Amino acid sequence: MGVYTTIIFELVLVVSSILILFKLRNKLGLAPLYILLGTLQFLQANLGSSFSIQVFDDYIIHPGSIVLFSGVLFGVLLIYIKEGVLSARSLIIGIVISNVILSLMFHITYLQEVMVSKINDTTLNPQSIFKINYKYFFSGTAILFIDFFLLVILYQYLILKLKKIPYLFIITLSLLTVLIFDALAFNLILFYGTPTFKTSLISHVLGKSIAAILYSIILFWYIKFVDDRKGEQAFIANKEREVLSIIKYKKRYEALKVEKEKVEQKLTSQLETTLNTISDGFLSLDTNWCYTYINKKAADFLGKLPQDLIGKNIWNEFPEGLNLPMYKIYTEAAKTQKTIYFEDYHESQKRWFENRVYPSKEGLTVYFTDITEQIKVEKQLEQNKKFTYNIINNIGDPVFVKDANSCLVLVNNAFCQLFNLSRQHVIGKTLAENVAPEERESFLSIDKQVIDSGEENIREETLTLKAGDTRSIITRKTRFVDKEGNRFLIGVIKDITSRKKAEIELEKHKNNLEALVEERTTEIELKNAELQRMNKLFVGRELKMKELKNIIKELKKKHNK
């Protein structure tokens, strides 16, 4: 692996580490990135100059120091652009303080090495990494501190003044100016007046100019293409910051803090006004069970004034509550940190209340509503429901109610008797499995038709039960829609099996009677024919007798003459 390859690898490693940790800031926070940047700065201040390369014969560049130092400035500018003034200030101050502390720790370690070498009478390693050039270190740290603030101020100034200039140019100019300033200041302090001043200055300017261009391109690419949406928001916000916001931030912060307190006081006042005008009770308790707030309605329920309860222990003011369910529920909510809803009856006031207890680490917030009238209405409805249900149960015909999915929600006793099932085995079921398959499709199809159309359906059909018992029924189905818009099917079944059997028997008797009448008619007709024949025979004989008598008379007359 060549020298330039290692330099490129170091650059990629530094940049990728910074951008990855920044990208994960919503999950990890900024602390890992702050630690990384502080470490990079310490490494470049103490170890960055240990490796160098010579270019153009006369100029020596320390690429490790340049890559690490420029990477730190790159990280500071990134955080300022994306996270704002407070995060950038925290990072700057944190890096400076951590560098001082780490240097002291290195110096202590170096002193320990010196003492150990004296005790053991050994030669001290002159190349010890714990030996710090304090002139170099503190000069570099002071310049770094100035670099940080100069970078932010210059960037903000360019953003405000050069609005038509490409954003890449603003980033490049900011980093390039600060890095050249750093090179100039560093060499003036450490090498001015020495033979190496000129070559060292040119070397630093050359190396840091290249680093400024590379880091600027990477930063622009990240903001424009990787974190574009958030970058646009931050870029717009940057235009509204003052040039010296990084320095004046404390004053602005204090001003905003005062303004925030005023807004909070105003909102608190508005909230108290709102809570005092609602018709429900509202109170809050701290972890010692003392009232921190109670609105007028809640105090009225308790027969007290709000100001008389603030700061006082609820169980001291109302010791009877210790024997009520509310004490156990409040305690459970505080212990489990889970919201609890419950209803309770206050005997002293003859009222029902719906309570919602919201726990937090600061105590409990209780919101309660007088639901006495609601309970009365519910009880009346329950009585009406029982009354209606008793009426339905006294109807001899099976009655049922289904929901929109054809599931039974109400049946009377006659319905249960018809299917020979208990009520608990009926409610919630369609009973499709209790009838023949060919009948099932017809029943469900008519249910859907009535529920969808609202048209009443009256139909004579057969019902084959599981035991094989077939019934003849007339089913009347109608739709009912409640006030919430829920659709139900109401059905009444008329068992006409006995009537059908009677009709069949009557039909049989009718057919038998007709056959008998026909038989009797044929018999009568035969007898009539025989009678007519006999009549004809008798009449002919009588005529002949009469004719014979007349002949006899004529003969007698002749004889007498």
Protein backbone atom coordinates (compact mmCIF):
# COMPACT_ATOMS: atom_id res chain seq x y z
CA MET A 1 0.00 0.00 0.00
CA GLY A 2 1.52 3.35 -1.09
CA VAL A 3 1.82 6.49 1.03
CA TYR A 4 -0.82 8.37 -0.91
CA THR A 5 -3.16 5.42 -0.64
CA THR A 6 -2.92 5.51 3.16
CA ILE A 7 -3.60 9.25 3.13
CA ILE A 8 -6.72 8.75 1.02
CA PHE A 9 -7.78 5.88 3.27
CA GLU A 10 -7.33 8.12 6.35
CA LEU A 11 -9.43 10.86 4.71
CA VAL A 12 -12.22 8.42 3.81
CA LEU A 13 -12.18 6.91 7.31
CA VAL A 14 -12.41 10.30 9.03
CA VAL A 15 -15.15 11.62 6.72
CA SER A 16 -17.26 8.45 6.79
CA SER A 17 -17.01 8.18 10.58
CA ILE A 18 -18.17 11.77 11.04
CA LEU A 19 -21.05 11.49 8.55
CA ILE A 20 -22.25 8.10 9.79
CA LEU A 21 -22.37 9.24 13.43
CA PHE A 22 -24.08 12.46 12.37
CA LYS A 23 -26.64 10.55 10.31
CA LEU A 24 -27.41 8.38 13.35
CA ARG A 25 -27.77 11.35 15.69
CA ASN A 26 -31.53 10.82 16.11
CA LYS A 27 -30.85 7.34 17.49
CA LEU A 28 -27.51 7.80 19.25
CA GLY A 29 -27.50 11.52 20.00
CA LEU A 30 -24.57 13.81 19.25
CA ALA A 31 -22.36 12.55 22.10
CA PRO A 32 -20.56 9.84 20.03
CA LEU A 33 -19.78 12.42 17.33
CA TYR A 34 -18.50 14.91 19.94
CA ILE A 35 -16.22 12.22 21.38
CA LEU A 36 -14.89 11.36 17.91
CA LEU A 37 -14.13 14.99 17.03
CA GLY A 38 -12.43 15.57 20.38
CA THR A 39 -10.30 12.47 19.84
CA LEU A 40 -9.36 13.57 16.32
CA GLN A 41 -8.29 16.99 17.57
CA PHE A 42 -6.17 15.51 20.35
CA LEU A 43 -4.52 13.07 17.96
CA GLN A 44 -3.65 15.77 15.45
CA ALA A 45 -2.32 18.08 18.14
CA ASN A 46 -0.03 15.47 19.66
CA LEU A 47 0.60 12.83 17.03
CA GLY A 48 -0.30 14.39 13.70
CA SER A 49 3.19 15.72 12.98
CA SER A 50 4.85 12.35 13.48
CA PHE A 51 4.40 11.50 9.79
CA SER A 52 5.38 13.79 6.89
CA ILE A 53 6.02 13.75 3.16
CA GLN A 54 8.21 16.03 1.05
CA VAL A 55 6.83 17.72 -2.06
CA PHE A 56 8.54 19.94 -4.61
CA ASP A 57 11.88 19.12 -2.91
CA ASP A 58 11.66 21.95 -0.33
CA TYR A 59 8.24 21.61 1.26
CA ILE A 60 7.33 19.17 4.02
CA ILE A 61 3.61 18.40 4.56
CA HIS A 62 2.13 16.54 7.53
CA PRO A 63 -0.92 14.89 5.87
CA GLY A 64 -2.09 13.16 9.06
CA SER A 65 -2.31 16.44 10.95
CA ILE A 66 -3.99 18.20 8.02
CA VAL A 67 -6.60 15.45 7.49
CA LEU A 68 -7.46 15.25 11.20
CA PHE A 69 -7.51 19.01 11.84
CA SER A 70 -9.53 19.80 8.69
CA GLY A 71 -11.90 16.94 9.61
CA VAL A 72 -12.58 18.56 12.98
CA LEU A 73 -13.44 21.90 11.31
CA PHE A 74 -15.56 19.98 8.79
CA GLY A 75 -17.50 18.40 11.68
CA VAL A 76 -17.98 21.72 13.50
CA LEU A 77 -19.35 23.42 10.37
CA LEU A 78 -21.64 20.47 9.66
CA ILE A 79 -23.09 20.59 13.18
CA TYR A 80 -23.54 24.37 13.04
CA ILE A 81 -25.34 24.19 9.69
CA LYS A 82 -27.61 21.29 10.63
CA GLU A 83 -28.03 21.53 14.41
CA GLY A 84 -27.62 25.23 15.18
CA VAL A 85 -25.65 27.53 17.46
CA LEU A 86 -26.12 25.74 20.78
CA SER A 87 -24.82 22.40 19.52
CA ALA A 88 -21.85 24.05 17.81
CA ARG A 89 -20.91 26.04 20.94
CA SER A 90 -21.15 22.93 23.08
CA LEU A 91 -18.89 21.04 20.69
CA ILE A 92 -16.28 23.82 20.50
CA ILE A 93 -16.05 24.26 24.24
CA GLY A 94 -16.09 20.48 24.80
CA ILE A 95 -13.21 19.89 22.39
CA VAL A 96 -11.04 22.59 24.00
CA ILE A 97 -11.72 21.40 27.56
CA SER A 98 -11.23 17.71 26.68
CA ASN A 99 -7.90 18.53 24.98
CA VAL A 100 -6.65 20.32 28.09
CA ILE A 101 -7.75 17.49 30.38
CA LEU A 102 -6.23 14.80 28.16
CA SER A 103 -2.97 16.74 27.95
CA LEU A 104 -2.81 16.89 31.73
CA MET A 105 -3.45 13.15 31.89
CA PHE A 106 -0.65 12.55 29.35
CA HIS A 107 1.69 14.79 31.37
CA ILE A 108 0.91 12.89 34.58
CA THR A 109 1.62 9.62 32.77
CA TYR A 110 4.87 11.04 31.42
CA LEU A 111 5.93 12.09 34.94
CA GLN A 112 5.21 8.54 36.11
CA GLU A 113 7.47 7.25 33.34
CA VAL A 114 10.24 9.64 34.46
CA MET A 115 9.97 8.52 38.08
CA VAL A 116 9.93 4.83 37.13
CA SER A 117 13.05 5.29 34.97
CA LYS A 118 14.85 6.98 37.87
CA ILE A 119 13.82 4.29 40.35
CA ASN A 120 14.85 1.49 37.98
CA ASP A 121 17.88 3.44 36.76
CA THR A 122 16.86 2.99 33.14
CA THR A 123 17.01 5.30 30.17
CA LEU A 124 13.83 7.29 29.52
CA ASN A 125 12.37 6.79 26.05
CA PRO A 126 12.84 10.18 24.31
CA GLN A 127 10.09 9.28 21.80
CA SER A 128 7.43 8.63 24.47
CA ILE A 129 3.97 9.46 23.19
CA PHE A 130 3.15 10.92 26.60
CA LYS A 131 5.79 13.66 26.21
CA ILE A 132 3.93 16.76 25.05
CA ASN A 133 5.35 19.90 23.46
CA TYR A 134 3.29 22.36 25.47
CA LYS A 135 4.22 25.39 23.38
CA TYR A 136 3.04 23.52 20.30
CA PHE A 137 -0.03 22.11 22.04
CA PHE A 138 -1.36 25.21 23.78
CA SER A 139 -0.61 27.45 20.80
CA GLY A 140 -2.48 25.03 18.57
CA THR A 141 -5.40 24.78 21.01
CA ALA A 142 -5.72 28.56 21.30
CA ILE A 143 -5.61 28.98 17.52
CA LEU A 144 -8.13 26.14 17.18
CA PHE A 145 -10.51 27.93 19.54
CA ILE A 146 -10.26 31.05 17.38
CA ASP A 147 -10.61 28.95 14.21
CA PHE A 148 -13.91 27.50 15.43
CA PHE A 149 -15.55 30.84 16.07
CA LEU A 150 -14.03 32.42 12.96
CA LEU A 151 -15.37 29.57 10.80
CA VAL A 152 -18.93 29.96 12.08
CA ILE A 153 -18.88 33.77 11.91
CA LEU A 154 -17.39 33.81 8.41
CA TYR A 155 -19.85 31.19 7.14
CA GLN A 156 -22.79 33.13 8.58
CA TYR A 157 -21.52 36.39 7.10
CA LEU A 158 -21.17 34.85 3.64
CA ILE A 159 -24.65 33.32 3.87
CA LEU A 160 -26.14 36.73 4.64
CA LYS A 161 -24.11 38.84 2.23
CA LEU A 162 -23.50 36.57 -0.76
CA LYS A 163 -27.03 35.31 -1.37
CA LYS A 164 -26.56 34.80 -5.10
CA ILE A 165 -23.26 32.95 -4.80
CA PRO A 166 -23.38 29.12 -5.18
CA TYR A 167 -23.58 27.34 -1.86
CA LEU A 168 -20.51 25.20 -2.65
CA PHE A 169 -18.46 28.37 -3.03
CA ILE A 170 -19.62 29.66 0.38
CA ILE A 171 -18.62 26.42 2.11
CA THR A 172 -15.27 26.27 0.29
CA LEU A 173 -14.45 29.91 0.98
CA SER A 174 -15.31 29.49 4.68
CA LEU A 175 -13.14 26.41 5.19
CA LEU A 176 -10.31 27.68 2.96
CA THR A 177 -10.10 31.08 4.69
CA VAL A 178 -10.05 29.58 8.18
CA LEU A 179 -7.49 26.91 7.30
CA ILE A 180 -5.18 29.49 5.69
CA PHE A 181 -5.63 31.72 8.74
CA ASP A 182 -4.74 28.77 10.94
CA ALA A 183 -1.61 28.05 8.90
CA LEU A 184 -0.54 31.69 9.07
CA ALA A 185 -1.21 32.08 12.81
CA PHE A 186 0.42 28.76 13.69
CA ASN A 187 3.61 29.49 11.78
CA LEU A 188 3.83 33.09 13.03
CA ILE A 189 3.68 31.90 16.63
CA LEU A 190 5.99 28.91 16.35
CA PHE A 191 8.33 29.55 13.43
CA TYR A 192 8.48 33.28 12.78
CA GLY A 193 12.10 34.45 12.51
CA THR A 194 13.41 30.94 11.93
CA PRO A 195 14.86 29.62 8.65
CA THR A 196 11.95 27.18 8.30
CA PHE A 197 9.20 29.84 8.55
CA LYS A 198 8.69 30.33 4.81
CA THR A 199 8.76 26.68 3.79
CA SER A 200 6.60 25.65 6.76
CA LEU A 201 4.02 28.34 5.98
CA ILE A 202 3.83 27.43 2.30
CA SER A 203 3.63 23.73 3.17
CA HIS A 204 0.74 24.34 5.57
CA VAL A 205 -1.11 26.61 3.15
CA LEU A 206 -0.67 24.13 0.29
CA GLY A 207 -1.81 21.09 2.27
CA LYS A 208 -4.74 22.79 4.00
CA SER A 209 -5.95 24.39 0.75
CA ILE A 210 -6.22 20.94 -0.82
CA ALA A 211 -7.99 19.66 2.33
CA ALA A 212 -10.40 22.66 2.30
CA ILE A 213 -11.45 21.93 -1.27
CA LEU A 214 -11.95 18.20 -0.66
CA TYR A 215 -13.87 18.62 2.58
CA SER A 216 -16.04 21.40 1.07
CA ILE A 217 -17.06 19.19 -1.85
CA ILE A 218 -17.91 16.34 0.53
CA LEU A 219 -19.90 18.63 2.85
CA PHE A 220 -21.84 20.15 -0.06
CA TRP A 221 -22.57 16.67 -1.46
CA TYR A 222 -23.86 15.46 1.91
CA ILE A 223 -26.13 18.47 2.48
CA LYS A 224 -27.41 18.59 -1.09
CA PHE A 225 -27.96 14.92 -1.85
CA VAL A 226 -27.83 12.84 1.34
CA ASP A 227 -29.60 15.07 3.84
CA ASP A 228 -31.35 17.34 1.36
CA ARG A 229 -34.68 17.99 3.10
CA LYS A 230 -33.17 18.74 6.49
CA GLY A 231 -30.36 20.66 4.80
CA GLU A 232 -32.83 23.00 3.13
CA GLN A 233 -34.53 23.71 6.44
CA ALA A 234 -31.19 24.36 8.15
CA PHE A 235 -30.00 26.52 5.25
CA ILE A 236 -33.09 28.71 5.48
CA ALA A 237 -32.66 28.93 9.26
CA ASN A 238 -29.03 30.00 8.79
CA LYS A 239 -30.15 33.02 6.82
CA GLU A 240 -32.05 34.28 9.85
CA ARG A 241 -29.11 33.97 12.30
CA GLU A 242 -26.98 36.92 13.23
CA VAL A 243 -23.34 36.91 12.11
CA LEU A 244 -22.13 36.88 15.73
CA SER A 245 -24.84 34.49 16.94
CA ILE A 246 -22.17 32.01 18.03
CA ILE A 247 -20.81 34.63 20.48
CA LYS A 248 -24.04 36.40 21.41
CA TYR A 249 -25.96 33.21 21.84
CA LYS A 250 -25.92 33.35 25.63
CA LYS A 251 -27.60 36.75 25.68
CA ARG A 252 -30.13 35.62 23.14
CA TYR A 253 -30.64 32.42 25.09
CA GLU A 254 -31.32 34.37 28.29
CA ALA A 255 -33.71 36.66 26.44
CA LEU A 256 -35.51 33.71 24.94
CA LYS A 257 -35.61 32.06 28.35
CA VAL A 258 -37.32 35.13 29.86
CA GLU A 259 -39.69 35.28 26.92
CA LYS A 260 -40.39 31.56 27.30
CA GLU A 261 -41.23 32.04 30.98
CA LYS A 262 -43.62 34.86 30.10
CA VAL A 263 -45.30 32.72 27.46
CA GLU A 264 -45.53 29.81 29.92
CA GLN A 265 -47.09 32.10 32.53
CA LYS A 266 -49.58 33.36 29.97
CA LEU A 267 -50.42 29.85 28.83
CA THR A 268 -50.73 28.71 32.45
CA SER A 269 -53.11 31.57 33.15
CA GLN A 270 -55.16 30.74 30.08
CA LEU A 271 -55.18 27.06 31.05
CA GLU A 272 -56.35 27.88 34.57
CA THR A 273 -59.11 30.09 33.16
CA THR A 274 -60.19 27.28 30.84
CA LEU A 275 -60.11 24.65 33.58
CA ASN A 276 -62.14 26.89 35.88
CA THR A 277 -64.86 27.34 33.28
CA ILE A 278 -65.40 23.67 32.43
CA SER A 279 -68.19 21.72 34.06
CA ASP A 280 -65.92 18.84 35.13
CA GLY A 281 -63.55 18.49 38.06
CA PHE A 282 -59.80 18.66 37.58
CA LEU A 283 -57.05 18.31 40.17
CA SER A 284 -53.40 17.35 40.43
CA LEU A 285 -51.45 15.82 43.31
CA ASP A 286 -47.71 15.61 43.87
CA THR A 287 -45.87 12.50 45.05
CA ASN A 288 -46.66 13.43 48.67
CA TRP A 289 -50.40 13.44 47.94
CA CYS A 290 -50.57 17.24 48.25
CA TYR A 291 -52.77 19.35 45.98
CA THR A 292 -50.74 21.27 43.39
CA TYR A 293 -53.82 22.42 41.49
CA ILE A 294 -57.59 22.10 41.74
CA ASN A 295 -60.17 23.89 39.62
CA LYS A 296 -63.27 25.62 40.96
CA LYS A 297 -65.67 22.83 39.96
CA ALA A 298 -63.64 20.16 41.74
CA ALA A 299 -63.40 22.33 44.85
CA ASP A 300 -67.19 22.87 44.73
CA PHE A 301 -67.74 19.12 44.62
CA LEU A 302 -65.59 18.81 47.74
CA GLY A 303 -67.21 21.78 49.47
CA LYS A 304 -63.96 23.76 49.64
CA LEU A 305 -62.26 26.73 48.00
CA PRO A 306 -59.32 26.01 45.65
CA GLN A 307 -56.92 28.21 47.61
CA ASP A 308 -57.77 26.35 50.81
CA LEU A 309 -56.59 23.04 49.34
CA ILE A 310 -53.38 23.94 47.47
CA GLY A 311 -50.36 22.43 49.22
CA LYS A 312 -52.46 20.31 51.58
CA ASN A 313 -52.52 16.53 51.82
CA ILE A 314 -55.65 15.01 50.29
CA TRP A 315 -55.93 12.27 52.92
CA ASN A 316 -55.55 14.74 55.78
CA GLU A 317 -58.29 16.92 54.33
CA PHE A 318 -60.55 14.00 53.48
CA PRO A 319 -59.60 11.08 55.76
CA GLU A 320 -62.80 9.25 54.88
CA GLY A 321 -61.28 8.68 51.43
CA LEU A 322 -58.86 6.17 52.97
CA ASN A 323 -61.76 3.74 53.29
CA LEU A 324 -63.06 4.31 49.78
CA PRO A 325 -62.03 2.52 46.54
CA MET A 326 -60.44 5.73 45.28
CA TYR A 327 -57.54 5.41 47.76
CA LYS A 328 -56.61 1.99 46.45
CA ILE A 329 -56.98 3.11 42.83
CA TYR A 330 -54.90 6.29 43.31
CA THR A 331 -52.19 4.24 45.01
CA GLU A 332 -52.22 1.62 42.26
CA ALA A 333 -51.98 4.27 39.53
CA ALA A 334 -49.02 5.94 41.25
CA LYS A 335 -47.28 2.59 41.70
CA THR A 336 -47.88 1.11 38.23
CA GLN A 337 -47.76 4.42 36.31
CA LYS A 338 -50.76 3.26 34.30
CA THR A 339 -53.86 5.30 33.51
CA ILE A 340 -56.96 4.02 35.33
CA TYR A 341 -60.63 4.69 34.61
CA PHE A 342 -63.29 3.97 37.20
CA GLU A 343 -66.74 4.98 38.38
CA ASP A 344 -67.70 5.51 42.00
CA TYR A 345 -70.68 6.66 44.03
CA HIS A 346 -70.40 9.39 46.67
CA GLU A 347 -72.92 8.59 49.35
CA SER A 348 -72.66 12.03 50.95
CA GLN A 349 -73.60 13.80 47.72
CA LYS A 350 -75.77 11.06 46.26
CA ARG A 351 -73.86 11.38 43.00
CA TRP A 352 -72.01 9.15 40.56
CA PHE A 353 -68.64 10.23 39.14
CA GLU A 354 -66.55 8.97 36.26
CA ASN A 355 -62.86 9.29 37.17
CA ARG A 356 -59.76 9.23 34.95
CA VAL A 357 -56.44 9.03 36.81
CA TYR A 358 -53.31 9.94 34.84
CA PRO A 359 -50.04 9.13 36.67
CA SER A 360 -46.62 10.69 36.06
CA LYS A 361 -43.30 10.93 37.89
CA GLU A 362 -44.50 14.22 39.40
CA GLY A 363 -47.70 12.75 40.85
CA LEU A 364 -51.30 12.23 39.69
CA THR A 365 -53.71 14.21 37.55
CA VAL A 366 -57.36 13.37 38.13
CA TYR A 367 -60.21 14.35 35.84
CA PHE A 368 -63.72 13.52 37.03
CA THR A 369 -67.18 14.05 35.59
CA ASP A 370 -70.59 14.00 37.26
CA ILE A 371 -72.45 11.20 35.49
CA THR A 372 -75.41 10.93 37.88
CA GLU A 373 -77.98 11.81 35.22
CA GLN A 374 -76.32 9.47 32.77
CA ILE A 375 -76.48 6.62 35.29
CA LYS A 376 -80.18 7.36 35.88
CA VAL A 377 -80.87 7.26 32.16
CA GLU A 378 -78.87 4.03 31.80
CA LYS A 379 -80.80 2.42 34.66
CA GLN A 380 -84.08 3.52 33.09
CA LEU A 381 -82.96 2.14 29.75
CA GLU A 382 -81.94 -1.09 31.46
CA GLN A 383 -85.36 -1.34 33.06
CA ASN A 384 -87.00 -0.61 29.74
CA LYS A 385 -84.77 -3.20 28.13
CA LYS A 386 -85.76 -5.81 30.73
CA PHE A 387 -89.41 -4.85 30.29
CA THR A 388 -89.12 -5.13 26.52
CA TYR A 389 -87.24 -8.37 26.87
CA ASN A 390 -89.94 -9.83 29.13
CA ILE A 391 -92.56 -8.87 26.55
CA ILE A 392 -90.56 -10.56 23.79
CA ASN A 393 -90.12 -13.69 25.92
CA ASN A 394 -93.87 -13.88 26.42
CA ILE A 395 -94.49 -13.98 22.70
CA GLY A 396 -95.27 -17.52 21.63
CA ASP A 397 -93.60 -17.22 18.24
CA PRO A 398 -89.80 -17.26 17.91
CA VAL A 399 -88.39 -13.71 17.72
CA PHE A 400 -84.77 -12.84 16.88
CA VAL A 401 -82.55 -9.84 16.16
CA LYS A 402 -79.40 -10.05 14.01
CA ASP A 403 -76.61 -7.56 13.37
CA ALA A 404 -75.31 -6.54 9.94
CA ASN A 405 -73.25 -9.76 9.79
CA SER A 406 -76.30 -11.97 10.43
CA CYS A 407 -75.08 -12.79 13.94
CA LEU A 408 -77.80 -13.14 16.54
CA VAL A 409 -77.79 -10.45 19.24
CA LEU A 410 -81.21 -11.10 20.80
CA VAL A 411 -83.57 -14.09 20.88
CA ASN A 412 -86.61 -15.01 22.94
CA ASN A 413 -87.37 -18.27 24.70
CA ALA A 414 -89.49 -19.60 21.85
CA PHE A 415 -86.53 -19.24 19.47
CA CYS A 416 -84.30 -21.24 21.80
CA GLN A 417 -86.96 -23.92 22.10
CA LEU A 418 -87.31 -24.15 18.34
CA PHE A 419 -83.59 -24.91 17.89
CA ASN A 420 -83.32 -26.76 21.21
CA LEU A 421 -80.35 -24.57 22.22
CA SER A 422 -79.58 -22.44 25.27
CA ARG A 423 -79.29 -18.67 24.85
CA GLN A 424 -75.52 -18.65 25.43
CA HIS A 425 -75.11 -21.10 22.54
CA VAL A 426 -77.15 -18.84 20.26
CA ILE A 427 -76.00 -15.25 20.88
CA GLY A 428 -73.18 -14.20 18.55
CA LYS A 429 -73.80 -17.12 16.16
CA THR A 430 -75.49 -17.24 12.75
CA LEU A 431 -76.79 -20.80 13.39
CA ALA A 432 -75.92 -21.51 9.76
CA GLU A 433 -74.43 -24.81 10.85
CA ASN A 434 -77.74 -25.80 12.51
CA VAL A 435 -79.77 -25.91 9.29
CA ALA A 436 -79.54 -27.79 5.98
CA PRO A 437 -76.97 -26.35 3.50
CA GLU A 438 -79.57 -25.57 0.81
CA GLU A 439 -81.66 -23.65 3.33
CA ARG A 440 -78.63 -21.86 4.82
CA GLU A 441 -77.81 -19.99 1.59
CA SER A 442 -81.41 -18.87 1.20
CA PHE A 443 -81.66 -17.60 4.79
CA LEU A 444 -78.38 -15.63 4.66
CA SER A 445 -79.17 -14.23 1.22
CA ILE A 446 -82.52 -12.87 2.40
CA ASP A 447 -80.88 -11.46 5.55
CA LYS A 448 -78.41 -9.49 3.42
CA GLN A 449 -81.14 -8.33 1.04
CA VAL A 450 -83.29 -6.96 3.87
CA ILE A 451 -80.35 -5.31 5.70
CA ASP A 452 -79.07 -3.68 2.51
CA SER A 453 -82.39 -2.58 0.98
CA GLY A 454 -84.55 -2.05 4.06
CA GLU A 455 -87.49 -3.78 2.33
CA GLU A 456 -89.58 -6.11 4.45
CA ASN A 457 -89.59 -9.77 3.44
CA ILE A 458 -92.33 -12.30 4.25
CA ARG A 459 -91.61 -15.79 3.09
CA GLU A 460 -93.04 -19.29 3.60
CA GLU A 461 -90.23 -21.82 3.76
CA THR A 462 -89.05 -25.04 5.31
CA LEU A 463 -86.62 -25.30 8.21
CA THR A 464 -84.71 -28.57 8.61
CA LEU A 465 -83.11 -28.85 12.04
CA LYS A 466 -80.09 -30.92 13.01
CA ALA A 467 -82.18 -33.77 14.33
CA GLY A 468 -83.77 -34.14 10.90
CA ASP A 469 -86.98 -32.51 12.06
CA THR A 470 -88.45 -30.45 9.21
CA ARG A 471 -90.71 -27.54 10.06
CA SER A 472 -92.90 -25.40 7.86
CA ILE A 473 -92.50 -21.74 8.79
CA ILE A 474 -93.43 -18.25 7.71
CA THR A 475 -90.59 -15.79 8.42
CA ARG A 476 -91.11 -12.04 8.51
CA LYS A 477 -87.90 -9.98 8.36
CA THR A 478 -87.57 -6.20 8.68
CA ARG A 479 -84.64 -3.80 9.10
CA PHE A 480 -84.04 -1.50 12.08
CA VAL A 481 -81.43 1.32 12.14
CA ASP A 482 -80.44 2.80 15.52
CA LYS A 483 -79.39 6.41 16.19
CA GLU A 484 -75.71 5.55 15.64
CA GLY A 485 -76.52 4.21 12.17
CA ASN A 486 -76.09 0.53 13.08
CA ARG A 487 -78.35 -1.75 11.04
CA PHE A 488 -80.14 -4.72 12.54
CA LEU A 489 -82.52 -7.37 11.22
CA ILE A 490 -85.64 -8.18 13.25
CA GLY A 491 -87.35 -11.45 12.48
CA VAL A 492 -90.46 -13.28 13.63
CA ILE A 493 -90.99 -16.96 12.84
CA LYS A 494 -94.46 -18.49 12.63
CA ASP A 495 -94.38 -22.27 12.90
CA ILE A 496 -97.15 -23.52 10.60
CA THR A 497 -96.13 -27.18 10.64
CA SER A 498 -99.37 -28.32 12.33
CA ARG A 499 -101.47 -26.21 10.01
CA LYS A 500 -99.65 -27.65 7.04
CA LYS A 501 -100.28 -31.18 8.30
CA ALA A 502 -103.98 -30.37 8.80
CA GLU A 503 -104.16 -28.97 5.27
CA ILE A 504 -102.61 -32.15 3.93
CA GLU A 505 -105.15 -34.27 5.88
CA LEU A 506 -108.02 -32.13 4.62
CA GLU A 507 -106.75 -32.51 1.10
CA LYS A 508 -106.67 -36.26 1.58
CA HIS A 509 -110.25 -36.27 2.96
CA LYS A 510 -111.37 -34.07 0.12
CA ASN A 511 -109.86 -36.42 -2.43
CA ASN A 512 -111.42 -39.46 -0.68
CA LEU A 513 -114.84 -37.79 -0.55
CA GLU A 514 -114.73 -36.90 -4.21
CA ALA A 515 -113.87 -40.50 -5.05
CA LEU A 516 -116.73 -41.75 -2.86
CA VAL A 517 -119.21 -39.32 -4.40
CA GLU A 518 -118.13 -40.37 -7.85
CA GLU A 519 -118.57 -44.01 -6.88
CA ARG A 520 -122.03 -43.37 -5.40
CA THR A 521 -123.05 -41.34 -8.41
CA THR A 522 -122.12 -44.17 -10.73
CA GLU A 523 -124.07 -46.61 -8.57
CA ILE A 524 -127.12 -44.39 -8.52
CA GLU A 525 -126.95 -43.90 -12.24
CA LEU A 526 -126.89 -47.68 -12.71
CA LYS A 527 -129.84 -48.11 -10.38
CA ASN A 528 -131.74 -45.35 -12.12
CA ALA A 529 -131.18 -47.05 -15.44
CA GLU A 530 -132.44 -50.33 -14.01
CA LEU A 531 -135.42 -48.56 -12.50
CA GLN A 532 -136.25 -46.93 -15.76
CA ARG A 533 -136.06 -50.29 -17.46
CA MET A 534 -138.37 -51.81 -14.88
CA ASN A 535 -140.71 -48.87 -15.18
CA LYS A 536 -140.88 -49.33 -18.87
CA LEU A 537 -141.56 -53.02 -18.32
CA PHE A 538 -144.34 -52.31 -15.80
CA VAL A 539 -145.93 -49.66 -17.96
CA GLY A 540 -145.99 -51.97 -21.01
CA ARG A 541 -147.63 -54.69 -18.94
CA GLU A 542 -150.25 -52.33 -17.63
CA LEU A 543 -151.03 -51.14 -21.11
CA LYS A 544 -151.36 -54.69 -22.26
CA MET A 545 -153.61 -55.50 -19.27
CA LYS A 546 -155.69 -52.48 -20.01
CA GLU A 547 -155.93 -53.45 -23.64
CA LEU A 548 -156.85 -56.98 -22.57
CA LYS A 549 -159.56 -55.64 -20.29
CA ASN A 550 -160.97 -53.62 -23.10
CA ILE A 551 -161.05 -56.71 -25.34
CA ILE A 552 -162.82 -58.66 -22.59
CA LYS A 553 -165.37 -55.92 -22.25
CA GLU A 554 -165.98 -55.92 -25.92
CA LEU A 555 -166.44 -59.69 -25.92
CA LYS A 556 -168.91 -59.50 -23.02
CA LYS A 557 -170.92 -56.91 -24.83
CA LYS A 558 -171.11 -59.07 -27.85
CA HIS A 559 -172.11 -62.10 -25.82
CA ASN A 560 -174.94 -60.27 -24.06
CA LYS A 561 -176.45 -59.16 -27.24
